[in-house]
N, C-alpha and C. Protein backbone atom coordinates (compact mmCIF):
# COMPACT_ATOMS: atom_id res chain seq x y z
N UNK A 1 -47.95 6.98 -30.69
CA UNK A 1 -48.96 8.04 -30.65
C UNK A 1 -48.67 9.00 -29.50
N UNK A 2 -49.10 10.26 -29.60
CA UNK A 2 -48.84 11.23 -28.54
C UNK A 2 -49.33 10.79 -27.18
N UNK A 3 -50.45 10.08 -27.15
CA UNK A 3 -50.99 9.68 -25.85
C UNK A 3 -50.11 8.66 -25.16
N UNK A 4 -49.19 8.04 -25.91
CA UNK A 4 -48.30 7.06 -25.30
C UNK A 4 -47.15 7.70 -24.53
N UNK A 5 -46.82 8.94 -24.87
CA UNK A 5 -45.64 9.55 -24.29
C UNK A 5 -45.70 9.68 -22.76
N UNK A 6 -46.79 10.19 -22.19
CA UNK A 6 -46.85 10.30 -20.73
C UNK A 6 -46.71 8.95 -20.04
N UNK A 7 -47.31 7.88 -20.63
CA UNK A 7 -47.25 6.58 -19.98
C UNK A 7 -45.83 6.04 -19.97
N UNK A 8 -45.02 6.43 -20.99
CA UNK A 8 -43.63 6.01 -20.99
C UNK A 8 -42.82 6.81 -19.97
N UNK A 9 -43.13 8.08 -19.85
CA UNK A 9 -42.36 8.95 -18.97
C UNK A 9 -42.58 8.59 -17.50
N UNK A 10 -43.81 8.22 -17.16
CA UNK A 10 -44.11 7.95 -15.76
C UNK A 10 -43.27 6.81 -15.19
N UNK A 11 -43.14 5.66 -15.88
CA UNK A 11 -42.32 4.59 -15.32
C UNK A 11 -40.87 5.01 -15.10
N UNK A 12 -40.35 5.85 -16.04
CA UNK A 12 -38.97 6.30 -15.87
C UNK A 12 -38.82 7.10 -14.59
N UNK A 13 -39.75 8.03 -14.36
CA UNK A 13 -39.68 8.82 -13.14
C UNK A 13 -39.90 7.98 -11.91
N UNK A 14 -40.82 7.04 -12.01
CA UNK A 14 -41.10 6.15 -10.89
C UNK A 14 -39.90 5.26 -10.60
N UNK A 15 -39.23 4.80 -11.65
CA UNK A 15 -38.05 3.94 -11.48
C UNK A 15 -36.92 4.70 -10.78
N UNK A 16 -36.68 5.94 -11.23
CA UNK A 16 -35.64 6.76 -10.61
C UNK A 16 -35.96 7.04 -9.15
N UNK A 17 -37.24 7.31 -8.88
CA UNK A 17 -37.66 7.56 -7.50
C UNK A 17 -37.47 6.31 -6.65
N UNK A 18 -37.77 5.15 -7.25
CA UNK A 18 -37.59 3.89 -6.53
C UNK A 18 -36.14 3.62 -6.21
N UNK A 19 -35.25 3.91 -7.17
CA UNK A 19 -33.82 3.73 -6.93
C UNK A 19 -33.33 4.66 -5.82
N UNK A 20 -33.81 5.89 -5.84
CA UNK A 20 -33.41 6.85 -4.81
C UNK A 20 -33.90 6.39 -3.43
N UNK A 21 -35.13 5.87 -3.40
CA UNK A 21 -35.67 5.40 -2.12
C UNK A 21 -34.88 4.20 -1.62
N UNK A 22 -34.54 3.30 -2.54
CA UNK A 22 -33.76 2.12 -2.17
C UNK A 22 -32.40 2.54 -1.60
N UNK A 23 -31.77 3.52 -2.25
CA UNK A 23 -30.47 3.98 -1.77
C UNK A 23 -30.59 4.64 -0.41
N UNK A 24 -31.66 5.39 -0.21
CA UNK A 24 -31.89 6.02 1.09
C UNK A 24 -32.02 4.97 2.19
N UNK A 25 -32.73 3.89 1.89
CA UNK A 25 -32.89 2.81 2.87
C UNK A 25 -31.53 2.18 3.19
N UNK A 26 -30.72 1.94 2.16
CA UNK A 26 -29.39 1.35 2.38
C UNK A 26 -28.53 2.26 3.25
N UNK A 27 -28.55 3.56 2.95
CA UNK A 27 -27.75 4.51 3.72
C UNK A 27 -28.19 4.54 5.18
N UNK A 28 -29.50 4.61 5.40
CA UNK A 28 -30.01 4.68 6.76
C UNK A 28 -29.75 3.37 7.51
N UNK A 29 -29.89 2.25 6.82
CA UNK A 29 -29.65 0.96 7.47
C UNK A 29 -28.20 0.83 7.90
N UNK A 30 -27.26 1.32 7.08
CA UNK A 30 -25.86 1.25 7.47
C UNK A 30 -25.59 2.11 8.69
N UNK A 31 -26.22 3.27 8.77
CA UNK A 31 -26.06 4.13 9.94
C UNK A 31 -26.56 3.43 11.20
N UNK A 32 -27.70 2.76 11.07
CA UNK A 32 -28.28 2.04 12.22
C UNK A 32 -27.37 0.90 12.64
N UNK A 33 -26.87 0.14 11.66
CA UNK A 33 -26.00 -0.99 11.96
C UNK A 33 -24.71 -0.52 12.62
N UNK A 34 -24.16 0.60 12.13
CA UNK A 34 -22.94 1.14 12.73
C UNK A 34 -23.17 1.55 14.17
N UNK A 35 -24.38 2.00 14.46
CA UNK A 35 -24.69 2.47 15.81
C UNK A 35 -25.14 1.34 16.74
N UNK A 36 -25.89 0.38 16.20
CA UNK A 36 -26.52 -0.63 17.05
C UNK A 36 -26.01 -2.05 16.83
N UNK A 37 -25.23 -2.28 15.76
CA UNK A 37 -24.80 -3.64 15.46
C UNK A 37 -25.72 -4.29 14.44
N UNK A 38 -25.32 -5.48 13.96
CA UNK A 38 -26.03 -6.14 12.86
C UNK A 38 -26.98 -7.25 13.34
N UNK A 39 -27.14 -7.41 14.62
CA UNK A 39 -27.93 -8.54 15.12
C UNK A 39 -29.41 -8.18 15.24
N UNK A 40 -30.04 -8.00 14.10
CA UNK A 40 -31.47 -7.74 14.09
C UNK A 40 -32.21 -9.04 13.79
N UNK A 41 -33.41 -9.14 14.30
CA UNK A 41 -34.16 -10.38 14.14
C UNK A 41 -35.21 -10.30 13.05
N UNK A 42 -35.50 -9.11 12.53
CA UNK A 42 -36.55 -9.00 11.53
C UNK A 42 -36.40 -7.72 10.72
N UNK A 43 -36.98 -7.74 9.52
CA UNK A 43 -37.06 -6.52 8.71
C UNK A 43 -37.91 -5.47 9.40
N UNK A 44 -38.94 -5.93 10.12
CA UNK A 44 -39.82 -4.99 10.81
C UNK A 44 -39.05 -4.16 11.83
N UNK A 45 -38.11 -4.79 12.53
CA UNK A 45 -37.32 -4.06 13.53
C UNK A 45 -36.45 -3.01 12.87
N UNK A 46 -35.86 -3.35 11.73
CA UNK A 46 -35.03 -2.37 11.02
C UNK A 46 -35.90 -1.26 10.46
N UNK A 47 -37.07 -1.60 9.93
CA UNK A 47 -37.97 -0.58 9.39
C UNK A 47 -38.31 0.45 10.46
N UNK A 48 -38.62 -0.01 11.65
CA UNK A 48 -38.93 0.93 12.75
C UNK A 48 -37.73 1.82 13.05
N UNK A 49 -36.55 1.21 13.06
CA UNK A 49 -35.34 1.96 13.43
C UNK A 49 -35.00 3.05 12.41
N UNK A 50 -35.21 2.75 11.12
CA UNK A 50 -34.83 3.74 10.10
C UNK A 50 -36.01 4.62 9.69
N UNK A 51 -37.20 4.36 10.27
CA UNK A 51 -38.32 5.26 10.07
C UNK A 51 -39.10 5.06 8.79
N UNK A 52 -39.22 3.81 8.33
CA UNK A 52 -40.06 3.52 7.17
C UNK A 52 -41.05 2.43 7.55
N UNK A 53 -42.06 2.26 6.72
CA UNK A 53 -43.02 1.20 7.00
C UNK A 53 -42.41 -0.15 6.61
N UNK A 54 -42.95 -1.19 7.21
CA UNK A 54 -42.51 -2.54 6.87
C UNK A 54 -42.77 -2.82 5.39
N UNK A 55 -43.91 -2.35 4.89
CA UNK A 55 -44.25 -2.57 3.48
C UNK A 55 -43.26 -1.88 2.56
N UNK A 56 -42.84 -0.67 2.91
CA UNK A 56 -41.87 0.06 2.08
C UNK A 56 -40.53 -0.68 2.04
N UNK A 57 -40.14 -1.23 3.17
CA UNK A 57 -38.86 -1.94 3.22
C UNK A 57 -38.91 -3.23 2.41
N UNK A 58 -40.00 -3.99 2.58
CA UNK A 58 -40.09 -5.27 1.88
C UNK A 58 -40.34 -5.09 0.38
N UNK A 59 -40.75 -3.92 -0.03
CA UNK A 59 -40.88 -3.64 -1.47
C UNK A 59 -39.52 -3.73 -2.15
N UNK A 60 -38.48 -3.31 -1.45
CA UNK A 60 -37.13 -3.29 -2.01
C UNK A 60 -36.30 -4.49 -1.58
N UNK A 61 -36.55 -5.00 -0.38
CA UNK A 61 -35.74 -6.09 0.17
C UNK A 61 -36.67 -7.14 0.79
N UNK A 62 -36.68 -8.31 0.19
CA UNK A 62 -37.65 -9.33 0.60
C UNK A 62 -37.28 -10.03 1.89
N UNK A 63 -35.98 -10.12 2.19
CA UNK A 63 -35.55 -10.82 3.40
C UNK A 63 -34.57 -9.97 4.18
N UNK A 64 -34.44 -10.27 5.46
CA UNK A 64 -33.46 -9.58 6.29
C UNK A 64 -32.05 -9.83 5.79
N UNK A 65 -31.74 -11.08 5.47
CA UNK A 65 -30.41 -11.41 4.97
C UNK A 65 -30.11 -10.65 3.67
N UNK A 66 -31.12 -10.59 2.80
CA UNK A 66 -30.93 -9.88 1.54
C UNK A 66 -30.61 -8.41 1.77
N UNK A 67 -31.30 -7.79 2.72
CA UNK A 67 -31.03 -6.39 3.04
C UNK A 67 -29.61 -6.22 3.58
N UNK A 68 -29.22 -7.08 4.52
CA UNK A 68 -27.90 -6.94 5.13
C UNK A 68 -26.79 -7.13 4.11
N UNK A 69 -26.97 -8.08 3.19
CA UNK A 69 -25.97 -8.29 2.14
C UNK A 69 -25.85 -7.04 1.26
N UNK A 70 -26.99 -6.47 0.87
CA UNK A 70 -26.96 -5.29 0.02
C UNK A 70 -26.38 -4.08 0.74
N UNK A 71 -26.67 -3.95 2.04
CA UNK A 71 -26.07 -2.87 2.83
C UNK A 71 -24.56 -3.00 2.83
N UNK A 72 -24.07 -4.23 3.05
CA UNK A 72 -22.62 -4.43 3.05
C UNK A 72 -22.01 -4.10 1.69
N UNK A 73 -22.58 -4.63 0.63
CA UNK A 73 -22.03 -4.42 -0.71
C UNK A 73 -22.02 -2.94 -1.08
N UNK A 74 -23.08 -2.24 -0.76
CA UNK A 74 -23.18 -0.82 -1.09
C UNK A 74 -22.16 -0.01 -0.30
N UNK A 75 -22.06 -0.27 1.00
CA UNK A 75 -21.14 0.49 1.85
C UNK A 75 -19.69 0.18 1.50
N UNK A 76 -19.38 -1.09 1.21
CA UNK A 76 -18.02 -1.47 0.85
C UNK A 76 -17.60 -0.81 -0.47
N UNK A 77 -18.53 -0.74 -1.42
CA UNK A 77 -18.23 -0.12 -2.71
C UNK A 77 -17.93 1.37 -2.53
N UNK A 78 -18.69 2.04 -1.69
CA UNK A 78 -18.45 3.46 -1.43
C UNK A 78 -17.09 3.66 -0.77
N UNK A 79 -16.74 2.78 0.16
CA UNK A 79 -15.46 2.89 0.85
C UNK A 79 -14.31 2.71 -0.12
N UNK A 80 -14.46 1.80 -1.07
CA UNK A 80 -13.41 1.57 -2.06
C UNK A 80 -13.22 2.79 -2.95
N UNK A 81 -14.31 3.46 -3.28
CA UNK A 81 -14.22 4.66 -4.12
C UNK A 81 -13.56 5.80 -3.34
N UNK A 82 -13.96 5.97 -2.10
CA UNK A 82 -13.44 7.09 -1.29
C UNK A 82 -12.00 6.86 -0.85
N UNK A 83 -11.62 5.59 -0.66
CA UNK A 83 -10.27 5.29 -0.17
C UNK A 83 -9.68 4.14 -0.99
N UNK A 84 -9.28 4.44 -2.22
CA UNK A 84 -8.76 3.38 -3.09
C UNK A 84 -7.43 2.82 -2.58
N UNK A 85 -7.18 1.57 -2.93
CA UNK A 85 -5.96 0.87 -2.53
C UNK A 85 -4.97 0.90 -3.68
N UNK A 86 -3.67 1.03 -3.35
CA UNK A 86 -2.64 1.04 -4.38
C UNK A 86 -2.70 -0.23 -5.21
N UNK A 87 -2.52 -0.09 -6.51
CA UNK A 87 -2.59 -1.24 -7.40
C UNK A 87 -1.28 -2.01 -7.46
N UNK A 88 -0.16 -1.31 -7.49
CA UNK A 88 1.13 -1.96 -7.70
C UNK A 88 1.78 -2.34 -6.37
N UNK A 89 1.09 -3.18 -5.61
CA UNK A 89 1.62 -3.67 -4.34
C UNK A 89 1.35 -5.16 -4.25
N UNK A 90 1.96 -5.82 -3.28
CA UNK A 90 1.74 -7.26 -3.11
C UNK A 90 0.32 -7.53 -2.63
N UNK A 91 -0.16 -8.76 -2.82
CA UNK A 91 -1.51 -9.09 -2.34
C UNK A 91 -1.70 -8.85 -0.85
N UNK A 92 -0.70 -9.19 -0.05
CA UNK A 92 -0.82 -8.98 1.40
C UNK A 92 -0.86 -7.50 1.72
N UNK A 93 -0.06 -6.71 1.00
CA UNK A 93 -0.07 -5.27 1.22
C UNK A 93 -1.44 -4.69 0.88
N UNK A 94 -2.09 -5.23 -0.13
CA UNK A 94 -3.45 -4.79 -0.45
C UNK A 94 -4.39 -5.06 0.73
N UNK A 95 -4.24 -6.24 1.33
CA UNK A 95 -5.07 -6.57 2.49
C UNK A 95 -4.73 -5.67 3.68
N UNK A 96 -3.45 -5.33 3.83
CA UNK A 96 -3.05 -4.45 4.93
C UNK A 96 -3.67 -3.07 4.75
N UNK A 97 -3.63 -2.55 3.53
CA UNK A 97 -4.24 -1.25 3.26
C UNK A 97 -5.75 -1.31 3.45
N UNK A 98 -6.36 -2.43 3.05
CA UNK A 98 -7.80 -2.59 3.25
C UNK A 98 -8.14 -2.62 4.74
N UNK A 99 -7.29 -3.27 5.53
CA UNK A 99 -7.53 -3.34 6.97
C UNK A 99 -7.48 -1.94 7.58
N UNK A 100 -6.50 -1.14 7.16
CA UNK A 100 -6.42 0.23 7.66
C UNK A 100 -7.63 1.04 7.24
N UNK A 101 -8.07 0.84 6.01
CA UNK A 101 -9.25 1.54 5.51
C UNK A 101 -10.50 1.13 6.27
N UNK A 102 -10.62 -0.17 6.53
CA UNK A 102 -11.82 -0.68 7.21
C UNK A 102 -11.95 -0.16 8.63
N UNK A 103 -10.83 0.22 9.23
CA UNK A 103 -10.90 0.74 10.59
C UNK A 103 -11.67 2.05 10.68
N UNK A 104 -11.89 2.67 9.54
CA UNK A 104 -12.68 3.90 9.52
C UNK A 104 -14.16 3.61 9.78
N UNK A 105 -14.57 2.37 9.52
CA UNK A 105 -15.99 2.02 9.62
C UNK A 105 -16.13 0.68 10.34
N UNK A 106 -16.02 0.71 11.66
CA UNK A 106 -16.11 -0.52 12.43
C UNK A 106 -17.45 -1.22 12.20
N UNK A 107 -18.53 -0.44 11.99
CA UNK A 107 -19.83 -1.04 11.75
C UNK A 107 -19.83 -1.93 10.53
N UNK A 108 -19.09 -1.53 9.50
CA UNK A 108 -19.01 -2.34 8.28
C UNK A 108 -18.25 -3.63 8.54
N UNK A 109 -17.18 -3.56 9.33
CA UNK A 109 -16.42 -4.75 9.68
C UNK A 109 -17.28 -5.70 10.51
N UNK A 110 -18.03 -5.16 11.44
CA UNK A 110 -18.92 -5.98 12.25
C UNK A 110 -19.99 -6.66 11.40
N UNK A 111 -20.53 -5.92 10.44
CA UNK A 111 -21.55 -6.48 9.56
C UNK A 111 -20.96 -7.61 8.73
N UNK A 112 -19.77 -7.40 8.17
CA UNK A 112 -19.12 -8.45 7.37
C UNK A 112 -18.90 -9.71 8.20
N UNK A 113 -18.40 -9.54 9.40
CA UNK A 113 -18.12 -10.69 10.27
C UNK A 113 -19.41 -11.43 10.62
N UNK A 114 -20.47 -10.67 10.88
CA UNK A 114 -21.75 -11.29 11.18
C UNK A 114 -22.29 -12.07 9.98
N UNK A 115 -22.13 -11.51 8.78
CA UNK A 115 -22.58 -12.19 7.57
C UNK A 115 -21.81 -13.49 7.35
N UNK A 116 -20.50 -13.47 7.57
CA UNK A 116 -19.70 -14.67 7.37
C UNK A 116 -20.12 -15.77 8.36
N UNK A 117 -20.46 -15.38 9.58
CA UNK A 117 -20.92 -16.36 10.56
C UNK A 117 -22.26 -16.97 10.13
N UNK A 118 -23.16 -16.13 9.61
CA UNK A 118 -24.46 -16.63 9.16
C UNK A 118 -24.33 -17.53 7.94
N UNK A 119 -23.31 -17.27 7.11
CA UNK A 119 -23.17 -18.00 5.86
C UNK A 119 -22.95 -19.49 6.06
N UNK A 120 -22.40 -19.89 7.20
CA UNK A 120 -22.12 -21.31 7.43
C UNK A 120 -23.23 -21.99 8.22
N UNK A 121 -24.30 -21.26 8.49
CA UNK A 121 -25.45 -21.83 9.19
C UNK A 121 -26.55 -22.18 8.18
N UNK A 122 -27.39 -23.12 8.53
CA UNK A 122 -28.53 -23.44 7.69
C UNK A 122 -29.56 -22.31 7.76
N UNK A 123 -30.28 -22.14 6.67
CA UNK A 123 -31.37 -21.17 6.68
C UNK A 123 -31.01 -19.77 6.26
N UNK A 124 -29.80 -19.57 5.70
CA UNK A 124 -29.38 -18.24 5.25
C UNK A 124 -28.88 -18.31 3.80
N UNK A 125 -29.72 -18.72 2.87
CA UNK A 125 -29.26 -18.93 1.49
C UNK A 125 -28.71 -17.68 0.82
N UNK A 126 -29.32 -16.51 1.09
CA UNK A 126 -28.82 -15.27 0.48
C UNK A 126 -27.39 -14.98 0.92
N UNK A 127 -27.14 -15.15 2.20
CA UNK A 127 -25.82 -14.86 2.73
C UNK A 127 -24.81 -15.91 2.28
N UNK A 128 -25.22 -17.17 2.25
CA UNK A 128 -24.32 -18.24 1.82
C UNK A 128 -23.88 -18.03 0.38
N UNK A 129 -24.82 -17.66 -0.49
CA UNK A 129 -24.46 -17.39 -1.89
C UNK A 129 -23.50 -16.22 -1.98
N UNK A 130 -23.80 -15.16 -1.23
CA UNK A 130 -22.93 -13.99 -1.26
C UNK A 130 -21.52 -14.33 -0.79
N UNK A 131 -21.41 -15.03 0.34
CA UNK A 131 -20.11 -15.34 0.91
C UNK A 131 -19.32 -16.26 -0.02
N UNK A 132 -19.97 -17.29 -0.56
CA UNK A 132 -19.28 -18.22 -1.45
C UNK A 132 -18.75 -17.51 -2.68
N UNK A 133 -19.58 -16.65 -3.28
CA UNK A 133 -19.15 -15.93 -4.47
C UNK A 133 -18.05 -14.94 -4.15
N UNK A 134 -18.17 -14.27 -2.99
CA UNK A 134 -17.14 -13.30 -2.63
C UNK A 134 -15.80 -13.99 -2.44
N UNK A 135 -15.77 -15.10 -1.70
CA UNK A 135 -14.51 -15.80 -1.49
C UNK A 135 -13.93 -16.30 -2.81
N UNK A 136 -14.78 -16.79 -3.71
CA UNK A 136 -14.30 -17.25 -5.01
C UNK A 136 -13.68 -16.10 -5.79
N UNK A 137 -14.34 -14.95 -5.78
CA UNK A 137 -13.83 -13.78 -6.51
C UNK A 137 -12.52 -13.29 -5.92
N UNK A 138 -12.45 -13.20 -4.58
CA UNK A 138 -11.23 -12.68 -3.95
C UNK A 138 -10.09 -13.68 -4.12
N UNK A 139 -10.37 -14.98 -4.02
CA UNK A 139 -9.32 -15.98 -4.25
C UNK A 139 -8.75 -15.86 -5.66
N UNK A 140 -9.64 -15.69 -6.63
CA UNK A 140 -9.20 -15.54 -8.01
C UNK A 140 -8.34 -14.28 -8.18
N UNK A 141 -8.81 -13.18 -7.61
CA UNK A 141 -8.06 -11.92 -7.70
C UNK A 141 -6.70 -12.03 -7.01
N UNK A 142 -6.70 -12.59 -5.79
CA UNK A 142 -5.45 -12.74 -5.06
C UNK A 142 -4.49 -13.70 -5.77
N UNK A 143 -5.03 -14.79 -6.34
CA UNK A 143 -4.18 -15.72 -7.07
C UNK A 143 -3.48 -15.07 -8.24
N UNK A 144 -4.22 -14.24 -8.98
CA UNK A 144 -3.62 -13.53 -10.11
C UNK A 144 -2.56 -12.54 -9.64
N UNK A 145 -2.81 -11.90 -8.51
CA UNK A 145 -1.82 -10.96 -7.97
C UNK A 145 -0.56 -11.69 -7.51
N UNK A 146 -0.73 -12.87 -6.93
CA UNK A 146 0.44 -13.65 -6.53
C UNK A 146 1.27 -14.01 -7.75
N UNK A 147 0.62 -14.45 -8.82
CA UNK A 147 1.35 -14.77 -10.05
C UNK A 147 2.07 -13.54 -10.60
N UNK A 148 1.41 -12.41 -10.56
CA UNK A 148 2.05 -11.17 -11.03
C UNK A 148 3.29 -10.85 -10.22
N UNK A 149 3.15 -10.96 -8.89
CA UNK A 149 4.28 -10.63 -8.03
C UNK A 149 5.40 -11.66 -8.15
N UNK A 150 5.05 -12.92 -8.42
CA UNK A 150 6.09 -13.91 -8.68
C UNK A 150 6.84 -13.55 -9.95
N UNK A 151 6.13 -13.04 -10.95
CA UNK A 151 6.78 -12.61 -12.18
C UNK A 151 7.71 -11.44 -11.96
N UNK A 152 7.39 -10.59 -10.98
CA UNK A 152 8.24 -9.44 -10.65
C UNK A 152 9.35 -9.81 -9.65
N UNK A 153 9.33 -11.06 -9.18
CA UNK A 153 10.34 -11.47 -8.22
C UNK A 153 10.09 -10.99 -6.81
N UNK A 154 8.83 -10.62 -6.50
CA UNK A 154 8.53 -10.10 -5.16
C UNK A 154 7.82 -11.12 -4.27
N UNK A 155 7.50 -12.30 -4.83
CA UNK A 155 6.97 -13.42 -4.05
C UNK A 155 7.72 -14.68 -4.47
N UNK A 156 7.98 -15.54 -3.52
CA UNK A 156 8.74 -16.77 -3.78
C UNK A 156 8.11 -17.58 -4.91
N UNK A 157 8.98 -18.17 -5.74
CA UNK A 157 8.51 -18.94 -6.88
C UNK A 157 7.97 -20.32 -6.48
N UNK A 158 8.35 -20.82 -5.30
CA UNK A 158 7.95 -22.17 -4.90
C UNK A 158 6.59 -22.20 -4.19
N UNK A 159 5.86 -21.11 -4.24
CA UNK A 159 4.56 -21.03 -3.57
C UNK A 159 3.45 -21.18 -4.59
N UNK A 160 2.47 -22.03 -4.28
CA UNK A 160 1.31 -22.20 -5.15
C UNK A 160 0.40 -20.97 -5.03
N UNK A 161 0.07 -20.31 -6.13
CA UNK A 161 -0.71 -19.06 -6.06
C UNK A 161 -2.08 -19.22 -5.42
N UNK A 162 -2.78 -20.33 -5.72
CA UNK A 162 -4.12 -20.53 -5.16
C UNK A 162 -4.06 -20.76 -3.65
N UNK A 163 -3.08 -21.55 -3.21
CA UNK A 163 -2.94 -21.79 -1.78
C UNK A 163 -2.53 -20.51 -1.06
N UNK A 164 -1.66 -19.75 -1.69
CA UNK A 164 -1.24 -18.48 -1.09
C UNK A 164 -2.44 -17.54 -0.97
N UNK A 165 -3.29 -17.51 -2.00
CA UNK A 165 -4.47 -16.65 -1.97
C UNK A 165 -5.39 -17.02 -0.81
N UNK A 166 -5.63 -18.32 -0.63
CA UNK A 166 -6.48 -18.77 0.48
C UNK A 166 -5.87 -18.40 1.82
N UNK A 167 -4.56 -18.53 1.95
CA UNK A 167 -3.87 -18.20 3.19
C UNK A 167 -3.98 -16.70 3.49
N UNK A 168 -3.80 -15.88 2.48
CA UNK A 168 -3.86 -14.43 2.67
C UNK A 168 -5.25 -14.01 3.13
N UNK A 169 -6.28 -14.57 2.50
CA UNK A 169 -7.66 -14.24 2.89
C UNK A 169 -7.94 -14.70 4.32
N UNK A 170 -7.51 -15.92 4.65
CA UNK A 170 -7.74 -16.45 5.99
C UNK A 170 -7.05 -15.59 7.05
N UNK A 171 -5.82 -15.18 6.75
CA UNK A 171 -5.09 -14.34 7.70
C UNK A 171 -5.78 -12.99 7.88
N UNK A 172 -6.19 -12.39 6.78
CA UNK A 172 -6.82 -11.08 6.85
C UNK A 172 -8.14 -11.14 7.62
N UNK A 173 -9.00 -12.11 7.28
CA UNK A 173 -10.28 -12.21 7.96
C UNK A 173 -10.12 -12.59 9.44
N UNK A 174 -9.22 -13.53 9.70
CA UNK A 174 -9.00 -13.96 11.08
C UNK A 174 -8.46 -12.85 11.96
N UNK A 175 -7.53 -12.08 11.44
CA UNK A 175 -6.98 -10.96 12.20
C UNK A 175 -8.03 -9.88 12.42
N UNK A 176 -8.92 -9.73 11.44
CA UNK A 176 -9.99 -8.75 11.58
C UNK A 176 -10.92 -9.10 12.73
N UNK A 177 -11.26 -10.39 12.86
CA UNK A 177 -12.10 -10.83 13.97
C UNK A 177 -11.39 -10.59 15.30
N UNK A 178 -10.10 -10.93 15.36
CA UNK A 178 -9.33 -10.71 16.59
C UNK A 178 -9.31 -9.23 16.95
N UNK A 179 -9.18 -8.37 15.94
CA UNK A 179 -9.16 -6.94 16.19
C UNK A 179 -10.50 -6.45 16.75
N UNK A 180 -11.60 -7.00 16.23
CA UNK A 180 -12.91 -6.62 16.75
C UNK A 180 -13.04 -6.99 18.22
N UNK A 181 -12.50 -8.16 18.58
CA UNK A 181 -12.60 -8.62 19.96
C UNK A 181 -11.60 -7.91 20.87
N UNK A 182 -10.41 -7.68 20.33
CA UNK A 182 -9.35 -7.05 21.11
C UNK A 182 -8.62 -6.03 20.23
N UNK A 183 -9.01 -4.78 20.28
CA UNK A 183 -8.44 -3.76 19.39
C UNK A 183 -6.92 -3.62 19.49
N UNK A 184 -6.34 -4.09 20.60
CA UNK A 184 -4.89 -3.96 20.73
C UNK A 184 -4.13 -5.03 19.96
N UNK A 185 -4.81 -6.03 19.40
CA UNK A 185 -4.15 -7.06 18.60
C UNK A 185 -3.46 -6.39 17.41
N UNK A 186 -2.22 -6.77 17.15
CA UNK A 186 -1.42 -6.14 16.10
C UNK A 186 -1.78 -6.70 14.73
N UNK A 187 -2.92 -6.28 14.24
CA UNK A 187 -3.43 -6.75 12.95
C UNK A 187 -2.52 -6.33 11.80
N UNK A 188 -2.13 -5.08 11.78
CA UNK A 188 -1.34 -4.56 10.67
C UNK A 188 0.07 -5.16 10.66
N UNK A 189 0.65 -5.26 11.84
CA UNK A 189 1.98 -5.84 11.93
C UNK A 189 2.01 -7.30 11.53
N UNK A 190 0.96 -8.04 11.88
CA UNK A 190 0.90 -9.45 11.52
C UNK A 190 0.81 -9.62 10.01
N UNK A 191 0.06 -8.76 9.34
CA UNK A 191 -0.03 -8.83 7.89
C UNK A 191 1.30 -8.46 7.25
N UNK A 192 2.00 -7.51 7.83
CA UNK A 192 3.33 -7.16 7.32
C UNK A 192 4.29 -8.34 7.46
N UNK A 193 4.17 -9.08 8.56
CA UNK A 193 4.99 -10.27 8.76
C UNK A 193 4.69 -11.32 7.69
N UNK A 194 3.41 -11.54 7.40
CA UNK A 194 3.04 -12.49 6.36
C UNK A 194 3.60 -12.06 5.01
N UNK A 195 3.59 -10.79 4.74
CA UNK A 195 4.16 -10.27 3.50
C UNK A 195 5.64 -10.65 3.40
N UNK A 196 6.37 -10.49 4.50
CA UNK A 196 7.79 -10.85 4.51
C UNK A 196 7.99 -12.36 4.31
N UNK A 197 7.11 -13.17 4.91
CA UNK A 197 7.25 -14.62 4.80
C UNK A 197 7.05 -15.11 3.36
N UNK A 198 6.29 -14.38 2.59
CA UNK A 198 6.04 -14.76 1.20
C UNK A 198 7.11 -14.22 0.24
N UNK A 199 7.90 -13.28 0.68
CA UNK A 199 8.92 -12.69 -0.19
C UNK A 199 10.13 -13.61 -0.32
N UNK A 200 10.84 -13.51 -1.44
CA UNK A 200 12.14 -14.21 -1.55
C UNK A 200 13.07 -13.68 -0.46
N UNK A 201 13.94 -14.54 0.07
CA UNK A 201 14.84 -14.11 1.17
C UNK A 201 15.59 -12.82 0.86
N UNK A 202 16.06 -12.67 -0.37
CA UNK A 202 16.84 -11.48 -0.70
C UNK A 202 16.00 -10.22 -0.64
N UNK A 203 14.69 -10.34 -0.91
CA UNK A 203 13.80 -9.20 -0.83
C UNK A 203 13.57 -8.77 0.62
N UNK A 204 13.47 -9.76 1.53
CA UNK A 204 13.27 -9.46 2.94
C UNK A 204 14.49 -8.77 3.51
N UNK A 205 15.67 -9.25 3.17
CA UNK A 205 16.89 -8.68 3.72
C UNK A 205 17.11 -7.24 3.26
N UNK A 206 16.51 -6.93 2.07
CA UNK A 206 16.64 -5.56 1.57
C UNK A 206 15.62 -4.62 2.21
N UNK A 207 14.64 -5.23 2.99
CA UNK A 207 13.61 -4.41 3.62
C UNK A 207 12.57 -3.98 2.63
């Protein structure tokens, strides 16, 4: 009936407005985290910092951990779009390019590191789920890339793809933490060395 049309239109407009407000909160929260760090103790503190009410923030994000996870995911996705990584490279080279890209946004790297630390503590179920799923996804992706590169002869055939994937992730994350603590640590060079260690000897000698 005609009288039904306005009632259908209103939720659509309200939904779009809600999405826009949610995105605005994510953008502002990332700016605050980049400026002040990720060690906040409450949603109320973040609400004050980004200039919204506590009620407005909790309407979109029920927990502090949930907000921080969504801020990271949103900001990381934007970074990937703005600075894509080459597809036809080795898994370690992908991590090296990602490390260079991440240096553009130290706040995002700090947030990721803080989330990973929280994930192994009790009382952070949102973060633990996020971290576990992320590692599973990246291990799967890296494992497939190792198999692909073994097929191309660019990674040694005697290496187990799953173990190599775990090693690559551990090296990348560990070097990232070292870089945060000591910016002079040769993060990029160390990843290049790992790339060489995984290559067949004849590939290394050819440079």
